[in-house]
Amino acid sequence: MSFKAELRHVGDVVIVDMAGRLTIGESAGMMRNLVKELVRKGEKKILLNLKEVSYVDSAGLGELVASYASVSNAQGQIQLLHTQAKIHDLLQVTKLYTVFADYSDEALALKSFSNRASA
């Protein structure tokens, strides 16, 4: 399955609906370019929907971390939505669960951006 990413906006949050395998090569590069372009356009609240992402390798994980750094350096927020069990376990093993807010409910994830902004 090839990697796909589609954007949608809910208020001032851009949701990136991703599908496929986030691995070394084209998919990791696509994600890198997409997040950099969103940051360049001034997007400050990004929600990565991983519901349809079936696998993440070390390069994909590296791109998630790089995306976090890029968005944070631009004074923005990036969060995860609907991580699959294998990806959730990977975040636990690598201790990245302490870095990424991870939600299973889109409405709660969207609300959390406004809560964090006022905190």
C-alpha atoms as a PDB file:
ATOM      1  CA  MET A   1       0.000   0.000   0.000  1.00  0.00           C
ATOM      2  CA  SER A   2       1.400   3.360  -0.979  1.00  0.00           C
ATOM      3  CA  PHE A   3       1.536   6.201   1.502  1.00  0.00           C
ATOM      4  CA  LYS A   4      -1.080   8.948   1.264  1.00  0.00           C
ATOM      5  CA  ALA A   5      -1.659  12.123   3.215  1.00  0.00           C
ATOM      6  CA  GLU A   6      -4.698  14.362   2.922  1.00  0.00           C
ATOM      7  CA  LEU A   7      -5.285  17.656   4.696  1.00  0.00           C
ATOM      8  CA  ARG A   8      -8.443  18.992   6.247  1.00  0.00           C
ATOM      9  CA  HIS A   9      -9.033  21.955   8.519  1.00  0.00           C
ATOM     10  CA  VAL A  10     -11.207  22.112  11.609  1.00  0.00           C
ATOM     11  CA  GLY A  11     -11.070  25.673  12.877  1.00  0.00           C
ATOM     12  CA  ASP A  12      -7.408  26.621  13.214  1.00  0.00           C
ATOM     13  CA  VAL A  13      -6.225  23.003  13.393  1.00  0.00           C
ATOM     14  CA  VAL A  14      -4.953  21.215  10.300  1.00  0.00           C
ATOM     15  CA  ILE A  15      -5.583  17.476  10.391  1.00  0.00           C
ATOM     16  CA  VAL A  16      -3.308  15.291   8.308  1.00  0.00           C
ATOM     17  CA  ASP A  17      -5.114  12.037   7.511  1.00  0.00           C
ATOM     18  CA  MET A  18      -2.383   9.543   6.665  1.00  0.00           C
ATOM     19  CA  ALA A  19      -2.683   6.045   5.238  1.00  0.00           C
ATOM     20  CA  GLY A  20      -0.176   3.335   4.380  1.00  0.00           C
ATOM     21  CA  ARG A  21       3.289   2.580   5.684  1.00  0.00           C
ATOM     22  CA  LEU A  22       5.480   5.355   7.063  1.00  0.00           C
ATOM     23  CA  THR A  23       8.897   3.987   6.158  1.00  0.00           C
ATOM     24  CA  ILE A  24      12.296   4.982   4.820  1.00  0.00           C
ATOM     25  CA  GLY A  25      12.114   6.458   1.354  1.00  0.00           C
ATOM     26  CA  GLU A  26       9.213   8.136  -0.341  1.00  0.00           C
ATOM     27  CA  SER A  27       6.679   8.093   2.523  1.00  0.00           C
ATOM     28  CA  ALA A  28       9.044   9.545   5.129  1.00  0.00           C
ATOM     29  CA  GLY A  29      10.153  12.192   2.637  1.00  0.00           C
ATOM     30  CA  MET A  30       6.534  13.016   1.790  1.00  0.00           C
ATOM     31  CA  MET A  31       5.696  13.505   5.452  1.00  0.00           C
ATOM     32  CA  ARG A  32       8.805  15.662   6.006  1.00  0.00           C
ATOM     33  CA  ASN A  33       7.949  17.924   3.071  1.00  0.00           C
ATOM     34  CA  LEU A  34       4.293  18.165   4.075  1.00  0.00           C
ATOM     35  CA  VAL A  35       5.039  19.229   7.657  1.00  0.00           C
ATOM     36  CA  LYS A  36       7.720  21.693   6.540  1.00  0.00           C
ATOM     37  CA  GLU A  37       5.253  23.231   4.082  1.00  0.00           C
ATOM     38  CA  LEU A  38       2.567  23.527   6.786  1.00  0.00           C
ATOM     39  CA  VAL A  39       5.069  25.248   9.104  1.00  0.00           C
ATOM     40  CA  ARG A  40       6.172  27.551   6.272  1.00  0.00           C
ATOM     41  CA  LYS A  41       2.522  28.524   5.722  1.00  0.00           C
ATOM     42  CA  GLY A  42       2.219  29.420   9.401  1.00  0.00           C
ATOM     43  CA  GLU A  43       0.148  26.461  10.595  1.00  0.00           C
ATOM     44  CA  LYS A  44       0.616  26.244  14.367  1.00  0.00           C
ATOM     45  CA  LYS A  45      -1.721  23.386  15.292  1.00  0.00           C
ATOM     46  CA  ILE A  46      -1.195  20.086  13.509  1.00  0.00           C
ATOM     47  CA  LEU A  47      -2.950  16.814  14.268  1.00  0.00           C
ATOM     48  CA  LEU A  48      -1.505  13.699  12.626  1.00  0.00           C
ATOM     49  CA  ASN A  49      -4.247  11.114  12.161  1.00  0.00           C
ATOM     50  CA  LEU A  50      -2.525   7.721  12.077  1.00  0.00           C
ATOM     51  CA  LYS A  51      -5.707   5.637  11.956  1.00  0.00           C
ATOM     52  CA  GLU A  52      -4.876   4.167   8.546  1.00  0.00           C
ATOM     53  CA  VAL A  53      -1.096   3.943   9.064  1.00  0.00           C
ATOM     54  CA  SER A  54      -0.304   0.249   9.306  1.00  0.00           C
ATOM     55  CA  TYR A  55       3.423   0.380  10.020  1.00  0.00           C
ATOM     56  CA  VAL A  56       6.146   2.822  11.067  1.00  0.00           C
ATOM     57  CA  ASP A  57       9.837   1.936  10.800  1.00  0.00           C
ATOM     58  CA  SER A  58      12.777   3.750  12.390  1.00  0.00           C
ATOM     59  CA  ALA A  59      12.912   6.294   9.552  1.00  0.00           C
ATOM     60  CA  GLY A  60       9.194   6.997   9.940  1.00  0.00           C
ATOM     61  CA  LEU A  61       9.636   7.366  13.675  1.00  0.00           C
ATOM     62  CA  GLY A  62      12.518   9.734  13.011  1.00  0.00           C
ATOM     63  CA  GLU A  63      10.268  11.829  10.774  1.00  0.00           C
ATOM     64  CA  LEU A  64       7.655  12.028  13.539  1.00  0.00           C
ATOM     65  CA  VAL A  65      10.340  13.336  15.896  1.00  0.00           C
ATOM     66  CA  ALA A  66      11.695  15.735  13.266  1.00  0.00           C
ATOM     67  CA  SER A  67       8.162  16.991  12.631  1.00  0.00           C
ATOM     68  CA  TYR A  68       7.701  17.575  16.343  1.00  0.00           C
ATOM     69  CA  ALA A  69      10.943  19.576  16.433  1.00  0.00           C
ATOM     70  CA  SER A  70      10.023  21.649  13.355  1.00  0.00           C
ATOM     71  CA  VAL A  71       6.568  22.517  14.653  1.00  0.00           C
ATOM     72  CA  SER A  72       7.778  23.203  18.197  1.00  0.00           C
ATOM     73  CA  ASN A  73      10.577  25.453  16.927  1.00  0.00           C
ATOM     74  CA  ALA A  74       7.902  27.478  15.124  1.00  0.00           C
ATOM     75  CA  GLN A  75       6.014  27.816  18.455  1.00  0.00           C
ATOM     76  CA  GLY A  76       3.377  25.354  17.258  1.00  0.00           C
ATOM     77  CA  GLN A  77       1.858  22.129  18.546  1.00  0.00           C
ATOM     78  CA  ILE A  78       1.752  18.713  16.910  1.00  0.00           C
ATOM     79  CA  GLN A  79      -0.252  15.812  18.279  1.00  0.00           C
ATOM     80  CA  LEU A  80      -1.178  12.280  17.275  1.00  0.00           C
ATOM     81  CA  LEU A  81      -4.602  10.773  16.716  1.00  0.00           C
ATOM     82  CA  HIS A  82      -5.670   7.128  16.428  1.00  0.00           C
ATOM     83  CA  THR A  83      -2.285   5.429  16.715  1.00  0.00           C
ATOM     84  CA  GLN A  84      -2.594   1.728  15.938  1.00  0.00           C
ATOM     85  CA  ALA A  85      -1.509  -0.787  18.595  1.00  0.00           C
ATOM     86  CA  LYS A  86       1.900  -1.517  17.040  1.00  0.00           C
ATOM     87  CA  ILE A  87       2.680   2.187  16.700  1.00  0.00           C
ATOM     88  CA  HIS A  88       1.414   2.907  20.201  1.00  0.00           C
ATOM     89  CA  ASP A  89       3.717   0.154  21.519  1.00  0.00           C
ATOM     90  CA  LEU A  90       6.627   1.664  19.576  1.00  0.00           C
ATOM     91  CA  LEU A  91       5.970   5.040  21.235  1.00  0.00           C
ATOM     92  CA  GLN A  92       5.967   3.307  24.627  1.00  0.00           C
ATOM     93  CA  VAL A  93       9.210   1.383  24.039  1.00  0.00           C
ATOM     94  CA  THR A  94      11.031   4.474  22.759  1.00  0.00           C
ATOM     95  CA  LYS A  95       9.553   6.653  25.532  1.00  0.00           C
ATOM     96  CA  LEU A  96       8.180   9.029  22.868  1.00  0.00           C
ATOM     97  CA  TYR A  97       4.799   8.850  24.587  1.00  0.00           C
ATOM     98  CA  THR A  98       6.281  11.535  26.850  1.00  0.00           C
ATOM     99  CA  VAL A  99       6.797  13.786  23.818  1.00  0.00           C
ATOM    100  CA  PHE A 100       3.629  13.285  21.799  1.00  0.00           C
ATOM    101  CA  ALA A 101       0.107  13.807  23.026  1.00  0.00           C
ATOM    102  CA  ASP A 102      -1.807  10.828  21.614  1.00  0.00           C
ATOM    103  CA  TYR A 103      -5.603  10.814  21.385  1.00  0.00           C
ATOM    104  CA  SER A 104      -8.161   8.204  20.405  1.00  0.00           C
ATOM    105  CA  ASP A 105     -10.969  10.764  20.049  1.00  0.00           C
ATOM    106  CA  GLU A 106     -10.785  13.520  17.446  1.00  0.00           C
ATOM    107  CA  ALA A 107     -13.032  15.930  19.346  1.00  0.00           C
ATOM    108  CA  LEU A 108     -10.867  15.639  22.478  1.00  0.00           C
ATOM    109  CA  ALA A 109      -7.711  16.104  20.420  1.00  0.00           C
ATOM    110  CA  LEU A 110      -9.109  19.250  18.806  1.00  0.00           C
ATOM    111  CA  LYS A 111     -10.220  20.612  22.174  1.00  0.00           C
ATOM    112  CA  SER A 112      -6.783  19.931  23.668  1.00  0.00           C
ATOM    113  CA  PHE A 113      -5.172  22.449  21.312  1.00  0.00           C
ATOM    114  CA  SER A 114      -7.223  25.289  22.795  1.00  0.00           C
ATOM    115  CA  ASN A 115      -6.554  23.994  26.320  1.00  0.00           C
ATOM    116  CA  ARG A 116      -2.798  23.920  25.739  1.00  0.00           C
ATOM    117  CA  ALA A 117      -2.811  27.401  24.220  1.00  0.00           C
ATOM    118  CA  SER A 118      -4.324  28.858  27.379  1.00  0.00           C
ATOM    119  CA  ALA A 119      -2.116  26.873  29.751  1.00  0.00           C
END
